[in-house]
Each structure stands twice: as structure tokens, then as C-alpha cells.
Amino acid sequence: MDASIEPFVDADNIAAFLGERRTVVIRMARLRQITSYPFSGHKRHTYKFKRSEVAADMAKIRRPSTTPVNDSTRKF
């Protein structure tokens, strides 16, 4: 197997990778928040993912806020 070819993984694998539940990963795929590849099954779609693409998508989603913190309203 060529090392440059990244294998597809299932939603369970991505859920473990992200530390989320499988249902959250499927919802994110349906909403196109993360890159996924739907494969048709008899009754429903099965989603496959590439870890590098999901990691890039999550980096965009979880980007730190650029809004400055207003210290006068912060309660200590």
C-alpha cells in the first residue's frame, strides 16, 4: 500500500478522533460542517471520512475568536 494514499475511516473512528459521539459526527456530516463521502446502503447512507480533511475542517470551526475580551464586565 502506498503511504501517500490516505484510507477512508468510518464515523466511529472519527468520533474517537474528535472525542465526540458518533451521532454528533453524523450530524456534522449531514450539515456539511465536516468533509464526508456518503456511500449508499440498502436503507441508509454510510459516511466515510479522511482524518486529514476532518482535522482541517475542525481547525476552521474551532479557530480562536479575534474579539477582544472586555475586562470591565468580567466577574472574578
Protein backbone atom coordinates (compact mmCIF):
# COMPACT_ATOMS: atom_id res chain seq x y z
CA MET A 1 0.00 0.00 0.00
CA ASP A 2 1.28 3.44 -0.95
CA ALA A 3 1.94 5.64 2.10
CA SER A 4 0.65 8.74 0.26
CA ILE A 5 -2.86 7.30 -0.08
CA GLU A 6 -4.95 8.01 2.98
CA PRO A 7 -7.57 5.38 3.78
CA PHE A 8 -11.21 6.16 4.46
CA VAL A 9 -12.41 5.66 8.03
CA ASP A 10 -15.90 5.30 9.48
CA ALA A 11 -17.88 7.60 11.79
CA ASP A 12 -16.86 5.62 14.89
CA ASN A 13 -13.19 6.24 14.13
CA ILE A 14 -13.76 9.97 13.56
CA ALA A 15 -15.84 10.18 16.75
CA ALA A 16 -12.93 8.74 18.73
CA PHE A 17 -10.53 11.08 16.90
CA LEU A 18 -12.61 14.15 17.81
CA GLY A 19 -13.73 12.96 21.25
CA GLU A 20 -17.38 13.28 20.24
CA ARG A 21 -20.30 10.88 20.00
CA ARG A 22 -20.96 9.10 16.70
CA THR A 23 -24.32 10.86 16.35
CA VAL A 24 -22.61 14.25 16.52
CA VAL A 25 -20.21 13.24 13.75
CA ILE A 26 -23.08 12.03 11.54
CA ARG A 27 -24.99 15.27 12.18
CA MET A 28 -21.93 17.34 11.26
CA ALA A 29 -21.55 15.33 8.06
CA ARG A 30 -25.21 15.84 7.12
CA LEU A 31 -24.90 19.58 7.76
CA ARG A 32 -21.67 19.62 5.71
CA GLN A 33 -19.67 21.04 8.59
CA ILE A 34 -17.04 18.35 8.01
CA THR A 35 -15.99 16.73 4.75
CA SER A 36 -17.60 13.34 4.25
CA TYR A 37 -18.26 10.86 1.49
CA PRO A 38 -21.72 9.27 1.58
CA PHE A 39 -21.98 5.72 0.31
CA SER A 40 -25.43 4.36 -0.44
CA GLY A 41 -26.63 1.41 1.51
CA HIS A 42 -29.88 -0.51 1.26
CA LYS A 43 -31.75 1.57 3.84
CA ARG A 44 -29.45 4.50 4.65
CA HIS A 45 -26.24 6.27 3.78
CA THR A 46 -22.95 5.25 5.31
CA TYR A 47 -20.49 8.11 5.67
CA LYS A 48 -16.75 7.69 5.21
CA PHE A 49 -14.15 10.25 6.16
CA LYS A 50 -10.48 11.11 5.77
CA ARG A 51 -8.84 12.15 9.02
CA SER A 52 -6.72 14.90 7.46
CA GLU A 53 -9.78 16.55 5.90
CA VAL A 54 -11.76 16.37 9.14
CA ALA A 55 -8.80 17.82 11.07
CA ALA A 56 -8.61 20.74 8.61
CA ASP A 57 -12.37 21.32 8.89
CA MET A 58 -12.21 21.30 12.68
CA ALA A 59 -9.31 23.78 12.63
CA LYS A 60 -11.56 26.17 10.71
CA ILE A 61 -14.51 25.59 13.07
CA ARG A 62 -12.51 25.85 16.29
CA ARG A 63 -10.50 28.89 15.28
CA PRO A 64 -9.96 31.16 18.32
CA SER A 65 -12.09 34.27 18.49
CA THR A 66 -10.48 37.54 17.44
CA THR A 67 -12.93 39.57 19.52
CA PRO A 68 -11.15 41.28 22.42
CA VAL A 69 -12.31 40.44 25.91
CA ASN A 70 -13.95 43.30 27.78
CA ASP A 71 -12.33 43.09 31.23
CA SER A 72 -14.74 45.61 32.78
CA THR A 73 -17.63 43.12 32.53
CA ARG A 74 -15.67 40.08 33.67
CA LYS A 75 -16.54 38.84 37.15
CA PHE A 76 -13.74 37.29 39.17
